[in-house]
Amino acid sequence: MREENMNLQSSWPKVLVRKWLNINSGRDKYHSDYRINAHFQRRKSCSDDGQYVVVSEELSEEWLVEKNSKTERPEFSQMPPPPIPNSNLRMFVGTWNVGGKSPDDQPNLKDWLRTKEPADIYVLGFQEIVPLNAGNVLGLEDCGPAARWLSLIRQALNEPQYYKPRESFSDLLFLEDDGEDLVSNFSWRKQQKHYCLAACKQMVGIFLCVWVRRDLLHHITSLQVSCVGRGIMGYLGNKGSISISLVVQQSTFCFVCSHLASGEKEGDAARRNWDVMEILRRTRFSQNHPHTILDHHNIIWLGDLNYRLASSSTGGDTNELFYMNDWQALLHKDELRIEQKAGRVFKGFQEGEIYFAPTYKYIANSDPYVVAPNDKRRTPAWCDRILWKGEGVEQIYYMRGESTFSDHRPVYSLFSVQLNAPEYPTQNSAKSAVEELLVCRSRSRSQGCIHTASGIKFH
């Protein structure tokens, strides 16, 4: 035990130097599930170091896998998979600042993640999964809470769900004519979906994970991750973003989970705007395209954006409007909307209508806000937001959860996503490739030719 502590102490200065000098320490690495011969290849903990091990699917859900670039699936051919039967997918997006609390208290995730019908993809972003103290910001990364969050999410998503399916129009008329209760005549049906972790990444307290239906996993390609630190000195990870880029059937997606600069003083909104601009500038993916966030067809930006209520704006007294629960009047003071309307941030992004109460700041484990009369720095605000950009994305709803686990309320949205049609070789190009391959094989018998025609691979 003493030797282990000495190793940790000796490695701590190296970690500190790498963070302060902004030396890449595995920020493009991530963790994922993928099947190989009916097993999951996983690696324990969320750190960027360590060896791979192969364990059976039945073992601990805290085992994870890490890959440096694209997820490798040796059993898949190089040809694109068949098109997804329904190219209109349901995507659940959620963000939650958990206030540095570990999920040992077993927060109820079902109320947050459950929809009337299961989604196809779940994009979940967290902020402050660890306390933002000097040890966590400057030292070794505490990955225990991330593993526990993943275990809870996996359990919540993979439990059977019961829902009431839509009845036919004729059935509804029959029930109405008989004067029966429509609700009581719906039959509950069990629907079981299995979800895999496509990718997840942690940077200090920021944590982003993407879950997909298992039958969709082989449609997910070109997985890449990019982290941007915007905290201390503009580089450390107590503030900043994690971005995950992926392709689903020719449609490119970028999910950006960010925690922007805090504060309610004059000029703090400009600091948040600058954070967004730096995240857009510094986020880079290793492949040629899409190379930046804005290169993607569809972008979902979520997180604790920390925009507050502008005290200098007109529209009545802020505290009075708050106590009247006049959310629509208060939203006229929302810094994010003011800054976006002025063209200073999130140009081209959309956000749904907000009909829910401010999500910050609450007294821990209770429903009252932390607010005092004439204390402008304790004014509740909509800090937790979800925005999007892209023609293939349509928002179905935008809501908040009511968990009292932290001083923030979780926020979530359901989207309908229209995928681009897959591209396949034309009949003529495929015929030419086969003819070329046959000629090559014929020559190889006499000349030793080794060639693969036009990328078509035969087994």
Protein backbone atom coordinates (compact mmCIF):
# COMPACT_ATOMS: atom_id res chain seq x y z
CA MET A 1 0.00 0.00 0.00
CA ARG A 2 2.88 2.36 0.90
CA GLU A 3 4.60 1.56 -2.40
CA GLU A 4 1.38 2.29 -4.30
CA ASN A 5 1.04 5.68 -2.56
CA MET A 6 4.66 6.52 -3.42
CA ASN A 7 4.00 5.75 -7.09
CA LEU A 8 0.96 8.04 -7.07
CA GLN A 9 2.95 10.82 -5.41
CA SER A 10 5.79 10.50 -7.92
CA SER A 11 3.42 10.60 -10.89
CA TRP A 12 1.44 13.60 -9.62
CA PRO A 13 4.03 16.27 -10.61
CA LYS A 14 4.22 14.76 -14.14
CA VAL A 15 0.46 15.01 -14.50
CA LEU A 16 0.52 18.61 -13.23
CA VAL A 17 3.25 19.65 -15.68
CA ARG A 18 1.47 18.02 -18.61
CA LYS A 19 -1.77 19.81 -17.74
CA TRP A 20 -0.18 23.23 -17.26
CA LEU A 21 1.88 22.95 -20.47
CA ASN A 22 -1.16 21.62 -22.35
CA ILE A 23 0.69 18.46 -23.44
CA ASN A 24 -1.69 15.96 -24.98
CA SER A 25 -2.29 13.19 -22.44
CA GLY A 26 -4.77 11.02 -24.27
CA ARG A 27 -7.50 13.55 -24.87
CA ASP A 28 -8.41 11.85 -28.14
CA LYS A 29 -8.92 8.49 -26.44
CA TYR A 30 -12.30 7.25 -25.34
CA HIS A 31 -14.12 4.21 -23.97
CA SER A 32 -16.63 2.04 -25.80
CA ASP A 33 -18.40 -1.31 -25.99
CA TYR A 34 -18.12 -3.46 -29.06
CA ARG A 35 -18.63 -7.13 -29.65
CA ILE A 36 -15.88 -9.52 -30.66
CA ASN A 37 -16.74 -13.22 -30.75
CA ALA A 38 -19.67 -12.86 -28.35
CA HIS A 39 -17.49 -11.07 -25.76
CA PHE A 40 -17.02 -7.45 -24.83
CA GLN A 41 -13.48 -6.16 -24.85
CA ARG A 42 -13.30 -3.81 -21.90
CA ARG A 43 -10.81 -2.08 -19.67
CA LYS A 44 -11.27 -1.21 -16.04
CA SER A 45 -11.41 2.47 -14.93
CA CYS A 46 -11.58 5.63 -17.03
CA SER A 47 -7.91 6.53 -17.03
CA ASP A 48 -5.88 6.97 -20.20
CA ASP A 49 -3.27 4.37 -19.20
CA GLY A 50 -3.38 0.63 -18.74
CA GLN A 51 -3.65 -2.63 -20.64
CA TYR A 52 -6.54 -4.22 -22.49
CA VAL A 53 -8.24 -7.28 -21.08
CA VAL A 54 -11.05 -9.42 -22.44
CA VAL A 55 -13.82 -10.33 -20.05
CA SER A 56 -17.17 -12.02 -20.51
CA GLU A 57 -20.36 -10.00 -20.92
CA GLU A 58 -21.66 -11.16 -17.54
CA LEU A 59 -18.85 -9.51 -15.56
CA SER A 60 -18.92 -6.10 -13.90
CA GLU A 61 -20.52 -3.29 -15.86
CA GLU A 62 -17.70 -1.00 -14.72
CA TRP A 63 -15.32 -2.49 -17.28
CA LEU A 64 -14.76 -0.23 -20.25
CA VAL A 65 -12.89 -0.29 -23.53
CA GLU A 66 -10.60 2.37 -24.96
CA LYS A 67 -9.61 2.95 -28.57
CA ASN A 68 -7.35 5.60 -30.06
CA SER A 69 -9.19 6.04 -33.35
CA LYS A 70 -12.10 4.36 -35.09
CA THR A 71 -13.85 1.52 -33.32
CA GLU A 72 -12.54 -1.68 -34.89
CA ARG A 73 -14.94 -4.46 -35.75
CA PRO A 74 -12.97 -7.24 -37.46
CA GLU A 75 -16.10 -9.23 -38.28
CA PHE A 76 -17.58 -6.41 -40.40
CA SER A 77 -16.67 -6.12 -44.08
CA GLN A 78 -15.58 -2.88 -45.68
CA MET A 79 -18.86 -2.59 -47.52
CA PRO A 80 -21.41 -0.25 -45.89
CA PRO A 81 -24.07 -2.03 -43.81
CA PRO A 82 -27.63 -2.34 -45.11
CA PRO A 83 -29.73 0.82 -44.66
CA ILE A 84 -31.50 1.32 -41.36
CA PRO A 85 -35.14 0.25 -41.90
CA ASN A 86 -36.45 3.45 -40.34
CA SER A 87 -34.11 6.29 -41.25
CA ASN A 88 -35.98 8.60 -38.86
CA LEU A 89 -34.41 7.94 -35.45
CA ARG A 90 -35.40 9.13 -31.98
CA MET A 91 -32.54 10.77 -30.09
CA PHE A 92 -32.70 11.55 -26.37
CA VAL A 93 -30.31 14.29 -25.18
CA GLY A 94 -29.82 15.10 -21.50
CA THR A 95 -27.56 17.36 -19.45
CA TRP A 96 -27.07 17.51 -15.71
CA ASN A 97 -24.70 19.33 -13.37
CA VAL A 98 -24.53 16.93 -10.42
CA GLY A 99 -22.71 19.35 -8.12
CA GLY A 100 -19.65 17.20 -7.40
CA LYS A 101 -21.72 14.47 -5.75
CA SER A 102 -20.88 10.83 -6.32
CA PRO A 103 -23.88 8.67 -7.33
CA ASP A 104 -23.45 6.46 -4.25
CA ASP A 105 -26.86 7.73 -3.10
CA GLN A 106 -28.37 5.91 -6.11
CA PRO A 107 -30.18 8.80 -7.82
CA ASN A 108 -33.26 7.71 -9.71
CA LEU A 109 -32.31 7.93 -13.38
CA LYS A 110 -35.47 6.26 -14.66
CA ASP A 111 -37.56 9.42 -14.27
CA TRP A 112 -34.95 11.31 -16.28
CA LEU A 113 -34.27 8.77 -19.03
CA ARG A 114 -37.64 7.11 -19.54
CA THR A 115 -39.78 8.29 -22.43
CA LYS A 116 -43.16 7.06 -23.63
CA GLU A 117 -41.30 4.94 -26.14
CA PRO A 118 -37.58 4.15 -25.96
CA ALA A 119 -35.20 6.29 -27.98
CA ASP A 120 -32.70 4.86 -30.46
CA ILE A 121 -29.75 6.94 -29.26
CA TYR A 122 -29.09 8.49 -25.83
CA VAL A 123 -26.62 11.37 -25.51
CA LEU A 124 -25.97 12.17 -21.84
CA GLY A 125 -23.70 14.94 -20.61
CA PHE A 126 -22.69 15.65 -17.01
CA GLN A 127 -20.84 18.47 -15.32
CA GLU A 128 -19.07 18.36 -11.96
CA ILE A 129 -19.12 14.58 -11.60
CA VAL A 130 -16.22 15.25 -9.21
CA PRO A 131 -15.72 18.29 -6.94
CA LEU A 132 -13.79 21.02 -8.75
CA ASN A 133 -11.09 21.29 -6.10
CA ALA A 134 -7.36 21.73 -6.69
CA GLY A 135 -6.64 18.02 -6.37
CA ASN A 136 -9.07 17.05 -9.12
CA VAL A 137 -8.23 19.97 -11.41
CA LEU A 138 -4.45 19.81 -11.14
CA GLY A 139 -3.79 16.21 -10.19
CA LEU A 140 -4.72 12.69 -11.18
CA GLU A 141 -8.21 12.23 -12.60
CA ASP A 142 -10.76 10.61 -10.28
CA CYS A 143 -12.55 8.14 -12.53
CA GLY A 144 -14.56 6.25 -9.93
CA PRO A 145 -17.73 8.38 -10.18
CA ALA A 146 -17.78 8.10 -13.99
CA ALA A 147 -17.73 4.30 -13.78
CA ARG A 148 -20.59 4.36 -11.27
CA TRP A 149 -22.64 6.73 -13.45
CA LEU A 150 -22.12 4.41 -16.42
CA SER A 151 -23.26 1.43 -14.39
CA LEU A 152 -26.44 3.23 -13.29
CA ILE A 153 -27.18 4.40 -16.84
CA ARG A 154 -26.63 0.93 -18.27
CA GLN A 155 -28.98 -0.53 -15.69
CA ALA A 156 -31.68 2.11 -16.29
CA LEU A 157 -31.57 1.83 -20.07
CA ASN A 158 -31.54 -1.95 -20.24
CA GLU A 159 -34.39 -2.68 -17.85
CA PRO A 160 -37.63 -3.73 -19.59
CA GLN A 161 -40.03 -0.87 -20.24
CA TYR A 162 -43.80 -1.09 -20.34
CA TYR A 163 -45.82 1.18 -22.56
CA LYS A 164 -49.30 1.54 -24.01
CA PRO A 165 -49.24 1.24 -27.79
CA ARG A 166 -51.45 3.32 -30.01
CA GLU A 167 -54.78 1.70 -30.80
CA SER A 168 -56.25 1.74 -34.28
CA PHE A 169 -58.84 4.37 -35.16
CA SER A 170 -61.57 1.72 -35.47
CA ASP A 171 -60.74 0.37 -31.98
CA LEU A 172 -61.08 3.86 -30.53
CA LEU A 173 -64.48 4.33 -32.19
CA PHE A 174 -65.66 0.97 -30.87
CA LEU A 175 -64.61 1.81 -27.31
CA GLU A 176 -66.18 5.26 -27.54
CA ASP A 177 -69.50 3.85 -28.78
CA ASP A 178 -69.64 1.37 -25.93
CA GLY A 179 -69.02 4.16 -23.42
CA GLU A 180 -65.98 2.35 -22.04
CA ASP A 181 -62.97 4.01 -20.47
CA LEU A 182 -60.39 4.41 -23.23
CA VAL A 183 -57.44 4.44 -20.84
CA SER A 184 -58.38 1.26 -19.01
CA ASN A 185 -58.75 -0.63 -22.29
CA PHE A 186 -55.20 -0.03 -23.45
CA SER A 187 -53.13 -3.17 -22.92
CA TRP A 188 -49.71 -2.72 -21.38
CA ARG A 189 -46.92 -4.24 -23.46
CA LYS A 190 -43.37 -5.00 -22.54
CA GLN A 191 -40.63 -3.59 -24.76
CA GLN A 192 -37.02 -4.64 -24.21
CA LYS A 193 -34.21 -2.68 -25.85
CA HIS A 194 -30.54 -3.41 -25.36
CA TYR A 195 -28.16 -0.44 -25.41
CA CYS A 196 -24.41 -0.35 -25.87
CA LEU A 197 -21.96 2.36 -24.96
CA ALA A 198 -20.79 3.79 -28.28
CA ALA A 199 -18.32 6.19 -26.64
CA CYS A 200 -17.67 8.05 -23.41
CA LYS A 201 -15.05 10.52 -22.23
CA GLN A 202 -14.19 12.37 -19.02
CA MET A 203 -12.23 15.60 -18.56
CA VAL A 204 -12.01 16.48 -14.84
CA GLY A 205 -15.71 17.04 -13.99
CA ILE A 206 -17.12 17.03 -17.54
CA PHE A 207 -18.40 13.67 -18.73
CA LEU A 208 -20.11 12.78 -22.03
CA CYS A 209 -21.45 9.38 -23.08
CA VAL A 210 -23.36 8.17 -26.14
CA TRP A 211 -25.51 5.03 -25.99
CA VAL A 212 -27.09 3.33 -29.00
CA ARG A 213 -29.39 0.39 -29.58
CA ARG A 214 -27.28 -2.72 -29.96
CA ASP A 215 -28.70 -3.47 -33.41
CA LEU A 216 -27.60 0.03 -34.53
CA LEU A 217 -24.04 -0.27 -33.26
CA HIS A 218 -22.62 -1.50 -36.59
CA HIS A 219 -24.09 1.60 -38.27
CA ILE A 220 -21.95 3.87 -36.04
CA THR A 221 -18.62 4.67 -37.69
CA SER A 222 -15.76 7.19 -37.51
CA LEU A 223 -15.99 7.67 -33.75
CA GLN A 224 -13.65 10.43 -32.57
CA VAL A 225 -13.27 12.58 -29.47
CA SER A 226 -11.82 16.04 -28.87
CA CYS A 227 -11.42 17.88 -25.54
CA VAL A 228 -10.87 21.60 -24.98
CA GLY A 229 -9.91 22.93 -21.55
CA ARG A 230 -11.11 26.46 -20.76
CA GLY A 231 -10.54 26.61 -17.02
CA ILE A 232 -7.50 27.94 -15.18
CA MET A 233 -5.12 29.76 -17.56
CA GLY A 234 -7.61 29.04 -20.36
CA TYR A 235 -6.43 25.42 -20.68
CA LEU A 236 -7.21 23.32 -17.61
CA GLY A 237 -10.27 21.10 -17.64
CA ASN A 238 -12.35 22.45 -14.77
CA LYS A 239 -14.20 24.31 -17.54
CA GLY A 240 -14.35 23.55 -21.24
CA SER A 241 -15.86 20.92 -23.50
CA ILE A 242 -15.85 17.32 -24.66
CA SER A 243 -16.97 16.68 -28.25
CA ILE A 244 -17.82 13.30 -29.77
CA SER A 245 -17.98 13.00 -33.55
CA LEU A 246 -19.57 10.03 -35.29
CA VAL A 247 -21.30 8.99 -38.49
CA VAL A 248 -24.65 7.24 -38.71
CA GLN A 249 -25.50 6.08 -42.25
CA GLN A 250 -23.78 8.95 -44.09
CA SER A 251 -25.05 11.55 -41.58
CA THR A 252 -22.34 13.18 -39.46
CA PHE A 253 -23.08 14.17 -35.87
CA CYS A 254 -21.14 16.18 -33.31
CA PHE A 255 -22.20 16.18 -29.67
CA VAL A 256 -20.63 18.96 -27.59
CA CYS A 257 -20.92 18.83 -23.80
CA SER A 258 -19.58 22.01 -22.20
CA HIS A 259 -19.24 23.74 -18.84
CA LEU A 260 -18.69 27.44 -19.46
CA ALA A 261 -17.38 30.24 -17.24
CA SER A 262 -19.53 30.99 -14.20
CA GLY A 263 -20.40 34.26 -12.49
CA GLU A 264 -23.03 37.01 -12.56
CA LYS A 265 -20.76 40.04 -12.68
CA GLU A 266 -20.63 42.45 -15.58
CA GLY A 267 -18.52 40.96 -18.33
CA ASP A 268 -19.10 37.32 -17.34
CA ALA A 269 -21.47 36.78 -20.28
CA ALA A 270 -18.66 37.91 -22.61
CA ARG A 271 -16.36 35.33 -20.99
CA ARG A 272 -18.90 32.62 -21.76
CA ASN A 273 -19.15 33.83 -25.35
CA TRP A 274 -15.37 33.65 -25.61
CA ASP A 275 -15.42 30.08 -24.26
CA VAL A 276 -17.81 29.07 -27.04
CA MET A 277 -15.64 30.71 -29.71
CA GLU A 278 -12.51 29.00 -28.37
CA ILE A 279 -14.27 25.62 -28.25
CA LEU A 280 -15.29 26.05 -31.89
CA ARG A 281 -11.77 27.12 -32.84
CA ARG A 282 -9.78 24.52 -30.90
CA THR A 283 -11.95 21.43 -31.32
CA ARG A 284 -10.32 19.30 -34.00
CA PHE A 285 -10.84 15.71 -35.12
CA SER A 286 -8.03 13.66 -36.63
CA GLN A 287 -9.80 12.60 -39.80
CA ASN A 288 -9.93 14.94 -42.78
CA HIS A 289 -13.70 15.37 -42.68
CA PRO A 290 -15.50 16.42 -40.64
CA HIS A 291 -12.53 18.21 -39.14
CA THR A 292 -14.29 20.82 -36.97
CA ILE A 293 -17.58 21.05 -35.08
CA LEU A 294 -19.22 23.17 -37.77
CA ASP A 295 -18.23 20.70 -40.51
CA HIS A 296 -20.87 18.21 -39.29
CA HIS A 297 -24.35 17.83 -40.76
CA ASN A 298 -25.93 17.93 -37.30
CA ILE A 299 -24.64 19.44 -34.05
CA ILE A 300 -26.11 19.03 -30.57
CA TRP A 301 -24.64 21.39 -27.93
CA LEU A 302 -25.55 20.63 -24.33
CA GLY A 303 -24.31 21.44 -20.86
CA ASP A 304 -24.12 23.93 -18.04
CA LEU A 305 -23.68 27.00 -20.21
CA ASN A 306 -23.93 29.18 -17.09
CA TYR A 307 -25.75 32.09 -18.76
CA ARG A 308 -27.67 34.06 -16.12
CA LEU A 309 -30.37 36.76 -16.03
CA ALA A 310 -29.17 40.19 -17.11
CA SER A 311 -29.95 42.65 -14.34
CA SER A 312 -29.54 45.63 -16.69
CA SER A 313 -32.24 44.50 -19.12
CA THR A 314 -35.73 45.95 -19.08
CA GLY A 315 -38.98 44.11 -18.39
CA GLY A 316 -39.75 44.55 -14.71
CA ASP A 317 -38.07 43.68 -11.43
CA THR A 318 -36.32 40.31 -11.60
CA ASN A 319 -37.12 39.21 -8.05
CA GLU A 320 -40.76 40.22 -8.42
CA LEU A 321 -41.11 38.28 -11.68
CA PHE A 322 -39.44 35.30 -10.08
CA TYR A 323 -41.82 35.18 -7.12
CA MET A 324 -44.74 35.48 -9.56
CA ASN A 325 -43.39 32.47 -11.51
CA ASP A 326 -43.55 34.58 -14.66
CA TRP A 327 -41.00 32.55 -16.58
CA GLN A 328 -41.79 34.05 -19.98
CA ALA A 329 -41.13 37.59 -18.71
CA LEU A 330 -37.92 36.42 -17.03
CA LEU A 331 -36.71 34.81 -20.24
CA HIS A 332 -36.55 38.28 -21.80
CA LYS A 333 -33.64 38.84 -19.37
CA ASP A 334 -31.91 35.56 -20.27
CA GLU A 335 -28.30 36.33 -21.24
CA LEU A 336 -28.05 33.48 -23.73
CA ARG A 337 -31.03 34.70 -25.72
CA ILE A 338 -29.82 38.30 -25.54
CA GLU A 339 -26.29 37.38 -26.69
CA GLN A 340 -27.53 35.05 -29.41
CA LYS A 341 -30.02 37.58 -30.76
CA ALA A 342 -27.23 40.15 -30.93
CA GLY A 343 -25.16 37.71 -33.02
CA ARG A 344 -22.37 37.38 -30.46
CA VAL A 345 -22.67 33.63 -29.82
CA PHE A 346 -24.20 30.40 -31.23
CA LYS A 347 -24.91 31.80 -34.67
CA GLY A 348 -27.20 29.49 -36.60
CA PHE A 349 -28.09 27.36 -33.56
CA GLN A 350 -31.66 26.78 -32.41
CA GLU A 351 -33.19 26.23 -28.98
CA GLY A 352 -36.71 25.09 -28.21
CA GLU A 353 -39.24 27.13 -26.28
CA ILE A 354 -38.68 27.03 -22.52
CA TYR A 355 -41.79 26.46 -20.43
CA PHE A 356 -40.03 25.15 -17.32
CA ALA A 357 -38.72 26.93 -14.23
CA PRO A 358 -35.06 27.99 -13.87
CA THR A 359 -32.77 25.01 -13.30
CA TYR A 360 -30.27 26.68 -10.93
CA LYS A 361 -29.61 27.25 -8.00
CA TYR A 362 -31.42 25.01 -5.51
CA ILE A 363 -30.81 24.24 -1.87
CA ALA A 364 -29.29 20.77 -1.77
CA ASN A 365 -31.77 17.89 -1.41
CA SER A 366 -34.78 20.19 -1.50
CA ASP A 367 -37.03 22.16 -3.83
CA PRO A 368 -36.49 25.80 -2.64
CA TYR A 369 -34.06 28.00 -4.55
CA VAL A 370 -31.03 29.57 -2.93
CA VAL A 371 -32.31 33.12 -3.19
CA ALA A 372 -32.30 36.11 -0.87
CA PRO A 373 -34.01 39.48 -1.37
CA ASN A 374 -31.78 42.09 -3.04
CA ASP A 375 -29.06 39.50 -3.63
CA LYS A 376 -28.52 39.67 -7.39
CA ARG A 377 -25.87 36.95 -7.31
CA ARG A 378 -28.40 34.42 -6.08
CA THR A 379 -30.97 35.01 -8.80
CA PRO A 380 -32.13 31.66 -10.26
CA ALA A 381 -31.34 31.13 -13.93
CA TRP A 382 -31.61 28.71 -16.84
CA CYS A 383 -27.96 27.61 -16.74
CA ASP A 384 -28.55 24.15 -18.22
CA ARG A 385 -29.39 24.20 -21.91
CA ILE A 386 -29.60 22.12 -25.11
CA LEU A 387 -29.15 23.72 -28.53
CA TRP A 388 -28.87 22.22 -31.99
CA LYS A 389 -27.91 23.01 -35.55
CA GLY A 390 -28.75 21.00 -38.66
CA GLU A 391 -31.51 20.42 -41.18
CA GLY A 392 -32.05 16.79 -40.22
CA VAL A 393 -32.95 17.48 -36.58
CA GLU A 394 -36.45 18.28 -35.30
CA GLN A 395 -37.18 18.77 -31.60
CA ILE A 396 -40.15 16.89 -30.16
CA TYR A 397 -40.00 18.29 -26.63
CA TYR A 398 -37.72 20.19 -24.23
CA MET A 399 -38.16 19.66 -20.50
CA ARG A 400 -36.48 19.46 -17.12
CA GLY A 401 -36.41 16.71 -14.49
CA GLU A 402 -37.25 17.15 -10.84
CA SER A 403 -34.49 15.21 -9.08
CA THR A 404 -33.21 17.00 -5.97
CA PHE A 405 -29.86 15.19 -6.14
CA SER A 406 -27.87 18.38 -6.81
CA ASP A 407 -28.30 22.16 -6.87
CA HIS A 408 -29.16 21.89 -10.59
CA ARG A 409 -32.16 20.22 -12.18
CA PRO A 410 -31.48 17.90 -15.13
CA VAL A 411 -32.66 19.04 -18.55
CA TYR A 412 -33.55 16.78 -21.45
CA SER A 413 -34.89 16.88 -24.97
CA LEU A 414 -36.18 14.35 -27.48
CA PHE A 415 -35.31 14.82 -31.15
CA SER A 416 -36.42 13.21 -34.36
CA VAL A 417 -33.39 12.78 -36.61
CA GLN A 418 -33.66 12.19 -40.35
CA LEU A 419 -30.63 10.31 -41.67
CA ASN A 420 -29.10 10.73 -45.08
CA ALA A 421 -29.61 7.85 -47.51
CA PRO A 422 -26.68 5.41 -47.61
CA GLU A 423 -24.40 5.46 -50.64
CA TYR A 424 -23.81 2.18 -52.43
CA PRO A 425 -21.76 1.35 -55.55
CA THR A 426 -23.80 1.54 -58.74
CA GLN A 427 -24.45 -1.61 -60.75
CA ASN A 428 -21.95 -0.58 -63.42
CA SER A 429 -19.19 0.28 -60.94
CA ALA A 430 -19.72 -2.98 -59.05
CA LYS A 431 -19.60 -4.95 -62.33
CA SER A 432 -16.39 -3.19 -63.35
CA ALA A 433 -14.84 -3.93 -59.96
CA VAL A 434 -15.67 -7.64 -60.26
CA GLU A 435 -14.27 -7.81 -63.80
CA GLU A 436 -11.10 -6.05 -62.65
CA LEU A 437 -10.72 -8.50 -59.79
CA LEU A 438 -11.18 -11.52 -62.08
CA VAL A 439 -8.52 -10.19 -64.44
CA CYS A 440 -6.19 -9.57 -61.50
CA ARG A 441 -6.68 -13.09 -60.16
CA SER A 442 -6.03 -14.54 -63.59
CA ARG A 443 -2.78 -12.62 -63.85
CA SER A 444 -1.76 -13.42 -60.29
CA ARG A 445 -1.56 -17.12 -61.06
CA SER A 446 1.21 -16.46 -63.54
CA GLN A 447 2.69 -13.16 -62.33
CA GLY A 448 2.05 -13.18 -58.58
CA CYS A 449 -0.20 -10.12 -58.77
CA ILE A 450 -1.66 -9.09 -55.41
CA HIS A 451 -4.37 -6.47 -55.84
CA THR A 452 -7.73 -5.50 -54.42
CA ALA A 453 -10.06 -4.05 -57.01
CA SER A 454 -11.67 -0.70 -56.25
CA GLY A 455 -11.82 -1.39 -52.52
CA ILE A 456 -14.13 -4.40 -52.99
CA LYS A 457 -13.08 -7.13 -50.59
CA PHE A 458 -14.01 -10.76 -51.11
CA HIS A 459 -13.81 -13.49 -48.45
